Amino acid sequence: MANERPVIVYPPSETGGRRVRVDGEILGTAYSLHDLTVFLQNAGLEGWDDLDVAGSGLIEWRGGGPDSWQH
C-alpha cells in the first residue's frame, strides 16, 4: 500500500466500532486497533503491527485517535 492510497478511520459509531476506508473503498468496521491492523495488512501493509499502525502518518483519524473505539 503506497502513500497515495489514503486511509481514513471514521469516528466511533453508536454501536461501537469505526469504519475503515482505504483509497475510497470501505474495508469494514474495526472494533479495536488490532482489527484495523488486520484490515491494513490485508490491504498491503504486511508486517505492520498495532504500534506501526497507531504511529503511522498514513492514517487520517476522524473523531479520535488510535485509542478511541467507543462512542
C-alpha atoms as a PDB file:
ATOM      1  CA  MET A   1       0.000   0.000   0.000  1.00  0.00           C
ATOM      2  CA  ALA A   2       1.574   3.264  -1.053  1.00  0.00           C
ATOM      3  CA  ASN A   3       1.197   6.714   0.415  1.00  0.00           C
ATOM      4  CA  GLU A   4      -1.110   7.760  -2.407  1.00  0.00           C
ATOM      5  CA  ARG A   5      -3.802   5.396  -1.056  1.00  0.00           C
ATOM      6  CA  PRO A   6      -5.410   7.443   1.696  1.00  0.00           C
ATOM      7  CA  VAL A   7      -6.568   5.659   4.841  1.00  0.00           C
ATOM      8  CA  ILE A   8      -9.477   7.156   6.777  1.00  0.00           C
ATOM      9  CA  VAL A   9     -10.692   5.855  10.122  1.00  0.00           C
ATOM     10  CA  TYR A  10     -14.107   7.345  10.864  1.00  0.00           C
ATOM     11  CA  PRO A  11     -15.455   8.323  14.310  1.00  0.00           C
ATOM     12  CA  PRO A  12     -16.818   5.593  16.582  1.00  0.00           C
ATOM     13  CA  SER A  13     -20.420   4.671  15.744  1.00  0.00           C
ATOM     14  CA  GLU A  14     -23.363   4.479  18.144  1.00  0.00           C
ATOM     15  CA  THR A  15     -22.996   0.681  18.245  1.00  0.00           C
ATOM     16  CA  GLY A  16     -19.210   0.728  18.584  1.00  0.00           C
ATOM     17  CA  GLY A  17     -16.510   0.309  16.012  1.00  0.00           C
ATOM     18  CA  ARG A  18     -15.107   2.597  13.355  1.00  0.00           C
ATOM     19  CA  ARG A  19     -15.477   2.375   9.587  1.00  0.00           C
ATOM     20  CA  VAL A  20     -12.197   1.988   7.731  1.00  0.00           C
ATOM     21  CA  ARG A  21     -11.722   3.319   4.209  1.00  0.00           C
ATOM     22  CA  VAL A  22      -8.662   2.802   2.026  1.00  0.00           C
ATOM     23  CA  ASP A  23      -8.401   4.505  -1.357  1.00  0.00           C
ATOM     24  CA  GLY A  24     -12.150   5.210  -1.402  1.00  0.00           C
ATOM     25  CA  GLU A  25     -13.170   1.637  -0.551  1.00  0.00           C
ATOM     26  CA  ILE A  26     -14.772   0.740   2.789  1.00  0.00           C
ATOM     27  CA  LEU A  27     -12.886  -2.265   4.166  1.00  0.00           C
ATOM     28  CA  GLY A  28     -15.228  -2.812   7.089  1.00  0.00           C
ATOM     29  CA  THR A  29     -15.727  -1.809  10.696  1.00  0.00           C
ATOM     30  CA  ALA A  30     -12.858  -2.102  13.141  1.00  0.00           C
ATOM     31  CA  TYR A  31     -13.643  -2.570  16.818  1.00  0.00           C
ATOM     32  CA  SER A  32     -10.045  -2.250  18.008  1.00  0.00           C
ATOM     33  CA  LEU A  33      -6.602  -1.183  16.884  1.00  0.00           C
ATOM     34  CA  HIS A  34      -5.866  -4.847  16.198  1.00  0.00           C
ATOM     35  CA  ASP A  35      -8.874  -5.088  13.829  1.00  0.00           C
ATOM     36  CA  LEU A  36      -7.610  -2.006  11.984  1.00  0.00           C
ATOM     37  CA  THR A  37      -4.139  -3.534  11.763  1.00  0.00           C
ATOM     38  CA  VAL A  38      -5.572  -6.692  10.184  1.00  0.00           C
ATOM     39  CA  PHE A  39      -7.556  -4.652   7.625  1.00  0.00           C
ATOM     40  CA  LEU A  40      -4.442  -2.702   6.666  1.00  0.00           C
ATOM     41  CA  GLN A  41      -2.271  -5.821   6.485  1.00  0.00           C
ATOM     42  CA  ASN A  42      -4.809  -7.293   4.071  1.00  0.00           C
ATOM     43  CA  ALA A  43      -4.658  -4.049   2.062  1.00  0.00           C
ATOM     44  CA  GLY A  44      -0.885  -4.375   1.646  1.00  0.00           C
ATOM     45  CA  LEU A  45       0.837  -3.233   4.860  1.00  0.00           C
ATOM     46  CA  GLU A  46       2.167  -6.698   5.531  1.00  0.00           C
ATOM     47  CA  GLY A  47       4.454  -6.944   8.517  1.00  0.00           C
ATOM     48  CA  TRP A  48       2.911  -3.975  10.317  1.00  0.00           C
ATOM     49  CA  ASP A  49       1.847  -4.408  13.919  1.00  0.00           C
ATOM     50  CA  ASP A  50      -0.508  -2.386  16.136  1.00  0.00           C
ATOM     51  CA  LEU A  51       2.251   0.079  17.119  1.00  0.00           C
ATOM     52  CA  ASP A  52       3.173   0.719  13.480  1.00  0.00           C
ATOM     53  CA  VAL A  53      -0.464   1.452  12.655  1.00  0.00           C
ATOM     54  CA  ALA A  54      -1.028   3.681  15.713  1.00  0.00           C
ATOM     55  CA  GLY A  55       2.011   5.804  14.828  1.00  0.00           C
ATOM     56  CA  SER A  56       1.520   5.917  11.069  1.00  0.00           C
ATOM     57  CA  GLY A  57       1.204   9.207   9.249  1.00  0.00           C
ATOM     58  CA  LEU A  58      -0.739   7.393   6.501  1.00  0.00           C
ATOM     59  CA  ILE A  59      -3.940   7.382   8.545  1.00  0.00           C
ATOM     60  CA  GLU A  60      -6.432  10.215   8.868  1.00  0.00           C
ATOM     61  CA  TRP A  61      -8.134   9.714  12.227  1.00  0.00           C
ATOM     62  CA  ARG A  62     -11.574  11.312  12.450  1.00  0.00           C
ATOM     63  CA  GLY A  63     -13.365  11.680  15.775  1.00  0.00           C
ATOM     64  CA  GLY A  64     -10.475  10.454  17.901  1.00  0.00           C
ATOM     65  CA  GLY A  65      -7.109   8.809  17.523  1.00  0.00           C
ATOM     66  CA  PRO A  66      -5.940   5.217  17.781  1.00  0.00           C
ATOM     67  CA  ASP A  67      -7.115   4.930  21.397  1.00  0.00           C
ATOM     68  CA  SER A  68     -10.739   5.916  20.682  1.00  0.00           C
ATOM     69  CA  TRP A  69     -13.010   2.948  19.875  1.00  0.00           C
ATOM     70  CA  GLN A  70     -16.223   3.584  21.839  1.00  0.00           C
ATOM     71  CA  HIS A  71     -18.807   6.295  21.146  1.00  0.00           C
END
